[in-house]
Structures are given as C-alpha cells and as structure tokens.
C-alpha cells in the first residue's frame, strides 16, 4: 500500500474470539512490538503464541527476539494460503471495517481518534456482542455440513473455560457489571463522527453536540434508518433519467409511429427490417433490441391511456346518473 497511513494492529484469541486492536502511526518494527505490549496488557489471558501473516512488519529479527525474550511461540501463515489467517481476517471485517469504515487516515490526530474508538469498541464487542463459533465441519458427499456453538460473547466463552482461574473470572464479571452498552454505543458514535469529520471536513459535527439523553431518546427509531456507519455511507443513488448514447431512432421515430398506427399488430422486428430496407447501412442488427423496448414502452403507454380514458368515462356517466336521480 503506497502512502503514509495509520495502520491497525489487531489480535484475536482463536479460542474465545476476544479481539484487541491498536493504531500504528507508522508501520515499523519497534512500533509493532510496542503495540503487542499494549495488546498483551489488554488481553485477559496470557499470550502463549503469535501466528502472523508474511508481512515484513512481522517477519523480522526484532519480533523474533521479542517472542524469544517473552517465551512466546511465533509462527506464520503459509505463503499464498489466506485461509491460514481466517480468524483475524474475519475480525478485520466484522469489527475494524464495520466500525471504522474504508477511509484511509493519516497523521497523529487520526491515530489518537482511532485509539479512542478502539478503547470503546473493545469493551462493546468483547463484553456485549455475541458471535457464532464453528464447532464441527463435515463433508458428506458433495455438501459441507457445519455445526455451530450457541452464540456467546467472548467474555462468556472465557468465563466458561476451564483454564481461566477464579481471580480472572471475577475480574471479568466486575468489569462487565460496571459497563453500560448504550453508553458505549454512544461513545462509539462520537468517535465515528470525529473520524468522519477528518475524512470529510465539510460534514457538520452533529453527534459532538448531542447529549446522551437525546441519543437515548432517538435510539428506538434508529433501526428505521438502517445500519449507520458515518465513515462509510453509501451515496444516495439518483434515478438514471438521462441518455448516455445518442438515440439511433430520433429522426425516424415519428415515421415508425405512423407505421404502428397504420398496422397496430406489426412486430418490432418487422418494423426494424423495414427501416433497414429504407435506410441501408444505418442500423446494425444489435439495435433491434433497442427498438423492441421502445415499441413495448409505447404500446404500454397507449394501453394505459385507453384504460384511464374508459375509467374517466365511467366516472362521468356515474356522476351524470347520480345527478339525475338525486332529488
């Protein structure tokens, strides 16, 4: 990727799905090891192994020495085997892209804003967002049968795991009890609005002036607008009502209408052949479909006019009949 952009260092626990992320202002070896220290302090369990991709930010002597010093087993994915990183790639899509969007950010201000967003997202996702976990996959004939565990949050999976001692479980429960998911969602929206203003400075900062009470009052109606991703909104599509190519039948359409009025049952193909005979080397065979659509639309319009004319006539007769019978 060319250019200087803020990168995200993301780590996920394969067993529970617990995910942590930190922004990196520059993709450099010492910053990667510093980011790993931050991730290690935020994970509720000890890191015993790291499996990375084949990026040069990970495959270097600095990271290898870092893992040897901390007795962490370091492995990497196989070249040209993207599915080796399926767990982290899934979280890159369901968490990073979902909450951040697809814009690219650069500079210390953007890095600080991303750090604030990630600090809130980690609490919201790990404590309150349940997810499926694949338990079994079988190939029966030519069909793959998958069986999933009951949806659980990463926190619930850790609380139900045997390797998590009582002290860590108590700390997880205390942390979850003091959190409010609605307040976390409000803080996420504020950070997203700040990122949106960095990506598009012309946008008005609306959520920055909105209070938590007004956010809660409008929350029951948010679903009517669909999913809100301020940094990755689709542009409103306008109806396509203009031509991109010149009309090949612009000069002869009046003549074609005369033929249709004289022969209402004439097919568009017969009319096209008639045009080819009258105007040699002007119409290619590929333009037949254009004339067929044009004739179809004209006949539909004429049919609607006939139907509406009959309906208006019936309404008029009814009005006259009622007028005669009324006292």
Protein backbone atom coordinates (compact mmCIF):
# COMPACT_ATOMS: atom_id res chain seq x y z
CA UNK A 1 0.00 0.00 0.00
CA UNK A 2 1.59 3.26 -1.12
CA UNK A 3 1.45 6.39 1.02
CA UNK A 4 1.69 7.09 4.73
CA UNK A 5 -1.44 5.93 6.53
CA UNK A 6 -2.39 4.92 10.04
CA UNK A 7 -2.42 1.13 10.31
CA UNK A 8 -4.29 -1.06 12.79
CA UNK A 9 -2.58 -3.86 14.70
CA UNK A 10 -5.29 -6.40 15.52
CA UNK A 11 -5.01 -9.53 17.63
CA UNK A 12 -7.69 -12.13 18.29
CA UNK A 13 -7.85 -15.17 20.52
CA UNK A 14 -8.72 -18.24 18.46
CA UNK A 15 -10.48 -19.98 21.33
CA UNK A 16 -12.77 -17.24 22.65
CA UNK A 17 -12.77 -14.68 19.83
CA UNK A 18 -11.56 -11.94 22.19
CA UNK A 19 -10.20 -9.17 19.95
CA UNK A 20 -7.92 -6.24 20.70
CA UNK A 21 -6.65 -3.55 18.35
CA UNK A 22 -4.36 -0.53 18.48
CA UNK A 23 -3.47 2.05 15.80
CA UNK A 24 0.07 2.34 14.48
CA UNK A 25 1.10 5.76 13.21
CA UNK A 26 3.92 4.18 11.18
CA UNK A 27 4.35 0.54 10.20
CA UNK A 28 7.72 -0.03 11.85
CA UNK A 29 9.22 -2.96 13.75
CA UNK A 30 9.66 -1.23 17.11
CA UNK A 31 6.12 0.15 16.97
CA UNK A 32 4.78 -3.33 16.24
CA UNK A 33 6.45 -4.75 19.35
CA UNK A 34 5.19 -1.78 21.36
CA UNK A 35 1.68 -2.43 20.04
CA UNK A 36 1.99 -6.08 21.05
CA UNK A 37 2.81 -4.97 24.59
CA UNK A 38 -0.39 -2.93 24.64
CA UNK A 39 -2.41 -5.87 23.32
CA UNK A 40 -0.85 -8.20 25.89
CA UNK A 41 -1.83 -5.84 28.72
CA UNK A 42 -5.45 -5.71 27.49
CA UNK A 43 -5.97 -9.44 26.89
CA UNK A 44 -7.50 -11.11 29.97
CA UNK A 45 -5.28 -14.16 29.43
CA UNK A 46 -1.56 -14.67 28.84
CA UNK A 47 -0.30 -14.81 25.25
CA UNK A 48 1.43 -18.11 24.56
CA UNK A 49 1.70 -17.90 20.79
CA UNK A 50 1.52 -15.48 17.87
CA UNK A 51 0.60 -16.51 14.33
CA UNK A 52 1.06 -13.66 11.88
CA UNK A 53 0.92 -13.17 8.15
CA UNK A 54 4.01 -12.83 5.95
CA UNK A 55 4.22 -9.05 6.14
CA UNK A 56 7.69 -7.58 6.63
CA UNK A 57 6.43 -5.78 9.75
CA UNK A 58 6.20 -9.21 11.44
CA UNK A 59 8.84 -11.31 9.71
CA UNK A 60 11.94 -9.63 11.12
CA UNK A 61 14.60 -10.11 13.78
CA UNK A 62 13.01 -7.57 16.12
CA UNK A 63 9.78 -9.51 16.52
CA UNK A 64 11.57 -12.85 16.74
CA UNK A 65 13.77 -11.53 19.55
CA UNK A 66 10.65 -10.11 21.23
CA UNK A 67 8.95 -13.52 21.20
CA UNK A 68 12.08 -15.36 22.39
CA UNK A 69 12.50 -12.97 25.31
CA UNK A 70 8.89 -13.44 26.45
CA UNK A 71 8.78 -17.19 25.65
CA UNK A 72 6.07 -16.75 23.05
CA UNK A 73 5.87 -19.26 20.23
CA UNK A 74 6.00 -17.44 16.91
CA UNK A 75 4.55 -18.96 13.73
CA UNK A 76 3.49 -17.54 10.42
CA UNK A 77 0.90 -18.44 7.81
CA UNK A 78 1.87 -20.36 4.71
CA UNK A 79 2.57 -18.30 1.59
CA UNK A 80 -0.45 -17.88 -0.68
CA UNK A 81 -2.74 -19.54 1.89
CA UNK A 82 -5.05 -16.74 3.02
CA UNK A 83 -7.28 -19.11 4.96
CA UNK A 84 -4.50 -19.61 7.50
CA UNK A 85 -5.46 -16.16 8.82
CA UNK A 86 -9.21 -16.78 8.71
CA UNK A 87 -9.81 -15.82 12.36
CA UNK A 88 -8.13 -12.44 12.18
CA UNK A 89 -9.41 -11.65 8.69
CA UNK A 90 -12.94 -12.27 9.93
CA UNK A 91 -12.44 -9.79 12.77
CA UNK A 92 -10.90 -7.26 10.38
CA UNK A 93 -14.18 -7.30 8.51
CA UNK A 94 -16.71 -7.65 11.32
CA UNK A 95 -15.03 -5.22 13.72
CA UNK A 96 -12.45 -2.93 12.12
CA UNK A 97 -14.19 -2.28 8.80
CA UNK A 98 -17.60 -2.29 10.42
CA UNK A 99 -16.78 0.38 12.99
CA UNK A 100 -14.10 2.34 11.15
CA UNK A 101 -15.16 2.08 7.52
CA UNK A 102 -12.95 2.01 4.45
CA UNK A 103 -11.45 5.50 4.51
CA UNK A 104 -7.71 5.94 4.97
CA UNK A 105 -6.45 8.22 7.72
CA UNK A 106 -3.07 9.79 8.31
CA UNK A 107 -1.48 11.94 10.99
CA UNK A 108 -1.34 11.95 14.80
CA UNK A 109 -4.87 13.34 15.19
CA UNK A 110 -6.37 10.45 13.26
CA UNK A 111 -4.27 7.96 15.24
CA UNK A 112 -5.48 9.41 18.54
CA UNK A 113 -9.10 9.32 17.36
CA UNK A 114 -8.72 5.70 16.28
CA UNK A 115 -7.16 4.84 19.63
CA UNK A 116 -10.15 6.37 21.42
CA UNK A 117 -12.54 4.44 19.19
CA UNK A 118 -10.69 1.14 19.72
CA UNK A 119 -10.72 1.58 23.51
CA UNK A 120 -14.50 1.74 23.41
CA UNK A 121 -15.04 -0.87 20.71
CA UNK A 122 -13.03 -3.49 22.61
CA UNK A 123 -15.41 -3.18 25.56
CA UNK A 124 -18.55 -3.20 23.45
CA UNK A 125 -17.52 -6.18 21.29
CA UNK A 126 -15.82 -8.39 23.87
CA UNK A 127 -18.44 -7.98 26.60
CA UNK A 128 -21.74 -7.45 24.75
CA UNK A 129 -21.51 -8.75 21.18
CA UNK A 130 -22.28 -12.49 20.87
CA UNK A 131 -20.95 -14.41 17.91
CA UNK A 132 -21.12 -17.91 16.48
CA UNK A 133 -18.19 -20.30 16.74
CA UNK A 134 -17.70 -23.20 14.37
CA UNK A 135 -17.62 -26.49 16.28
CA UNK A 136 -17.61 -29.09 13.54
CA UNK A 137 -17.42 -29.26 9.76
CA UNK A 138 -18.08 -32.41 7.75
CA UNK A 139 -18.00 -33.18 4.05
CA UNK A 140 -20.89 -35.52 3.23
CA UNK A 141 -20.95 -36.35 -0.45
CA UNK A 142 -20.59 -33.02 -2.18
CA UNK A 143 -22.12 -31.00 0.63
CA UNK A 144 -20.37 -29.36 3.58
CA UNK A 145 -22.27 -29.64 6.87
CA UNK A 146 -21.32 -27.08 9.56
CA UNK A 147 -22.34 -27.14 13.20
CA UNK A 148 -22.03 -24.04 15.37
CA UNK A 149 -21.95 -23.46 19.10
CA UNK A 150 -24.56 -21.36 20.86
CA UNK A 151 -23.89 -17.65 20.25
CA UNK A 152 -21.83 -16.24 23.10
CA UNK A 153 -19.79 -13.16 23.80
CA UNK A 154 -16.00 -13.58 24.12
CA UNK A 155 -16.39 -12.79 27.81
CA UNK A 156 -18.91 -15.61 28.29
CA UNK A 157 -16.64 -18.06 26.49
CA UNK A 158 -13.76 -17.17 28.79
CA UNK A 159 -15.97 -17.46 31.88
CA UNK A 160 -16.94 -20.97 30.81
CA UNK A 161 -13.37 -22.09 30.01
CA UNK A 162 -11.54 -24.34 32.47
CA UNK A 163 -8.14 -22.65 32.05
CA UNK A 164 -9.41 -19.27 33.38
CA UNK A 165 -8.87 -19.17 37.13
CA UNK A 166 -11.34 -17.73 39.65
CA UNK A 167 -9.49 -14.42 40.03
CA UNK A 168 -9.63 -13.67 36.30
CA UNK A 169 -13.27 -14.69 36.13
CA UNK A 170 -14.09 -12.35 38.99
CA UNK A 171 -12.26 -9.51 37.27
CA UNK A 172 -14.18 -10.13 34.04
CA UNK A 173 -17.53 -10.13 35.86
CA UNK A 174 -16.69 -6.93 37.72
CA UNK A 175 -15.60 -5.24 34.50
CA UNK A 176 -18.80 -6.24 32.72
CA UNK A 177 -21.06 -5.17 35.59
CA UNK A 178 -19.77 -1.59 35.55
CA UNK A 179 -20.25 -1.16 31.78
CA UNK A 180 -23.33 0.25 30.08
CA UNK A 181 -23.68 -0.97 26.45
CA UNK A 182 -25.84 2.01 25.46
CA UNK A 183 -23.28 4.46 26.77
CA UNK A 184 -20.53 2.56 24.97
CA UNK A 185 -22.54 2.76 21.76
CA UNK A 186 -22.93 6.50 22.22
CA UNK A 187 -19.17 6.92 22.70
CA UNK A 188 -18.56 4.81 19.59
CA UNK A 189 -20.85 7.08 17.58
CA UNK A 190 -18.99 10.13 18.84
CA UNK A 191 -15.63 8.70 17.80
CA UNK A 192 -17.05 7.68 14.41
CA UNK A 193 -18.33 11.20 13.88
CA UNK A 194 -14.87 12.56 14.68
CA UNK A 195 -13.33 10.19 12.12
CA UNK A 196 -15.97 11.21 9.62
CA UNK A 197 -15.08 14.87 10.08
CA UNK A 198 -11.42 14.00 9.42
CA UNK A 199 -12.29 12.13 6.25
CA UNK A 200 -14.78 14.78 5.05
CA UNK A 201 -14.15 18.15 6.73
CA UNK A 202 -17.22 19.68 5.10
CA UNK A 203 -19.52 17.48 7.20
CA UNK A 204 -21.17 19.10 10.18
CA UNK A 205 -20.30 17.66 13.57
CA UNK A 206 -23.76 16.74 14.80
CA UNK A 207 -23.12 13.97 17.33
CA UNK A 208 -20.45 16.04 19.06
CA UNK A 209 -23.20 18.39 20.27
CA UNK A 210 -25.72 15.66 21.06
CA UNK A 211 -26.20 14.64 24.66
CA UNK A 212 -26.58 11.11 25.93
CA UNK A 213 -30.21 11.78 26.85
CA UNK A 214 -31.13 12.88 23.31
CA UNK A 215 -29.24 9.89 21.92
CA UNK A 216 -31.24 7.54 24.14
CA UNK A 217 -34.50 9.23 23.13
CA UNK A 218 -33.76 8.70 19.44
CA UNK A 219 -32.38 5.17 19.85
CA UNK A 220 -35.74 3.33 19.43
CA UNK A 221 -36.10 4.86 15.96
CA UNK A 222 -32.54 4.27 14.69
CA UNK A 223 -33.48 0.91 13.18
CA UNK A 224 -35.77 2.69 10.69
CA UNK A 225 -32.72 4.28 9.05
CA UNK A 226 -30.79 1.01 8.85
CA UNK A 227 -27.19 0.49 9.84
CA UNK A 228 -25.27 3.71 10.45
CA UNK A 229 -21.60 3.84 9.57
CA UNK A 230 -20.68 7.53 9.44
CA UNK A 231 -17.30 6.86 7.86
CA UNK A 232 -18.63 4.61 5.15
CA UNK A 233 -22.03 5.79 3.98
CA UNK A 234 -23.33 4.90 0.57
CA UNK A 235 -24.06 7.87 -1.59
CA UNK A 236 -27.72 8.41 -2.31
CA UNK A 237 -28.46 6.96 -5.72
CA UNK A 238 -30.37 9.21 -8.09
CA UNK A 239 -32.70 7.77 -10.73
CA UNK A 240 -30.96 7.33 -14.07
CA UNK A 241 -33.11 9.52 -16.33
CA UNK A 242 -30.56 10.70 -18.88
CA UNK A 243 -29.16 9.18 -22.02
CA UNK A 244 -25.57 8.02 -22.26
CA UNK A 245 -25.67 7.41 -26.01
CA UNK A 246 -27.36 9.24 -28.89
CA UNK A 247 -30.82 7.98 -29.81
CA UNK A 248 -30.47 5.96 -33.04
CA UNK A 249 -34.20 6.34 -33.83
CA UNK A 250 -34.51 10.04 -33.08
CA UNK A 251 -35.02 11.08 -36.72
CA UNK A 252 -37.30 8.19 -37.72
CA UNK A 253 -39.42 7.63 -34.60
CA UNK A 254 -42.29 9.72 -35.97
CA UNK A 255 -42.25 7.59 -39.10
CA UNK A 256 -42.26 4.40 -37.02
CA UNK A 257 -45.29 5.70 -35.07
CA UNK A 258 -47.09 6.24 -38.38
CA UNK A 259 -46.41 2.64 -39.35
CA UNK A 260 -47.70 1.48 -35.96
CA UNK A 261 -50.91 3.47 -36.29
CA UNK A 262 -51.47 2.01 -39.78
CA UNK A 263 -50.56 -1.53 -38.67
CA UNK A 264 -51.09 -1.87 -34.89
CA UNK A 265 -50.23 -5.59 -34.99
CA UNK A 266 -46.84 -5.08 -36.65
CA UNK A 267 -43.92 -6.52 -34.70
CA UNK A 268 -40.87 -4.53 -33.77
CA UNK A 269 -38.72 -6.91 -35.81
CA UNK A 270 -40.77 -6.26 -38.94
CA UNK A 271 -40.51 -2.53 -38.35
CA UNK A 272 -36.74 -2.83 -37.90
CA UNK A 273 -36.33 -4.75 -41.15
CA UNK A 274 -38.41 -2.08 -42.85
CA UNK A 275 -36.06 0.60 -41.53
CA UNK A 276 -33.03 -1.35 -42.74
CA UNK A 277 -34.53 -1.54 -46.22
CA UNK A 278 -35.36 2.14 -46.31
CA UNK A 279 -32.08 3.32 -44.72
CA UNK A 280 -29.31 0.94 -45.83
CA UNK A 281 -26.15 0.68 -43.69
CA UNK A 282 -27.67 2.88 -40.98
CA UNK A 283 -28.94 0.30 -38.49
CA UNK A 284 -26.92 -2.64 -37.20
CA UNK A 285 -28.58 -5.89 -36.09
CA UNK A 286 -27.66 -5.16 -32.47
CA UNK A 287 -30.05 -2.17 -32.43
CA UNK A 288 -33.11 -4.40 -32.83
CA UNK A 289 -33.40 -4.83 -29.07
CA UNK A 290 -33.48 -1.05 -28.59
CA UNK A 291 -36.40 -0.72 -31.00
CA UNK A 292 -38.22 -3.61 -29.34
CA UNK A 293 -38.02 -1.90 -25.94
CA UNK A 294 -39.15 1.38 -27.47
CA UNK A 295 -42.18 -0.22 -29.14
CA UNK A 296 -43.04 -2.13 -25.96
CA UNK A 297 -42.99 1.06 -23.87
CA UNK A 298 -45.13 2.89 -26.46
CA UNK A 299 -47.75 0.14 -26.52
CA UNK A 300 -47.86 0.03 -22.71
CA UNK A 301 -48.37 3.80 -22.61
CA UNK A 302 -51.18 3.61 -25.18
CA UNK A 303 -52.85 0.78 -23.25
CA UNK A 304 -52.79 2.83 -20.04
CA UNK A 305 -54.30 5.81 -21.84
CA UNK A 306 -57.12 3.66 -23.18
CA UNK A 307 -57.83 2.16 -19.76
CA UNK A 308 -57.76 5.52 -18.00
CA UNK A 309 -59.99 7.02 -20.67
CA UNK A 310 -62.55 4.28 -20.07
CA UNK A 311 -62.36 4.82 -16.31
CA UNK A 312 -62.87 8.56 -16.66
CA UNK A 313 -65.84 7.90 -18.92
CA UNK A 314 -67.37 5.59 -16.32
CA UNK A 315 -66.89 8.17 -13.59
CA UNK A 316 -68.55 10.82 -15.75
CA UNK A 317 -71.55 8.57 -16.52
CA UNK A 318 -71.91 7.72 -12.86
CA UNK A 319 -71.80 11.39 -11.92
CA UNK A 320 -74.47 12.23 -14.51
CA UNK A 321 -76.59 9.28 -13.41
CA UNK A 322 -76.36 10.29 -9.76
CA UNK A 323 -77.12 13.85 -10.68
CA UNK A 324 -80.31 12.83 -12.46
CA UNK A 325 -81.51 10.52 -9.70
CA UNK A 326 -80.68 12.83 -6.83
CA UNK A 327 -83.58 14.88 -5.52
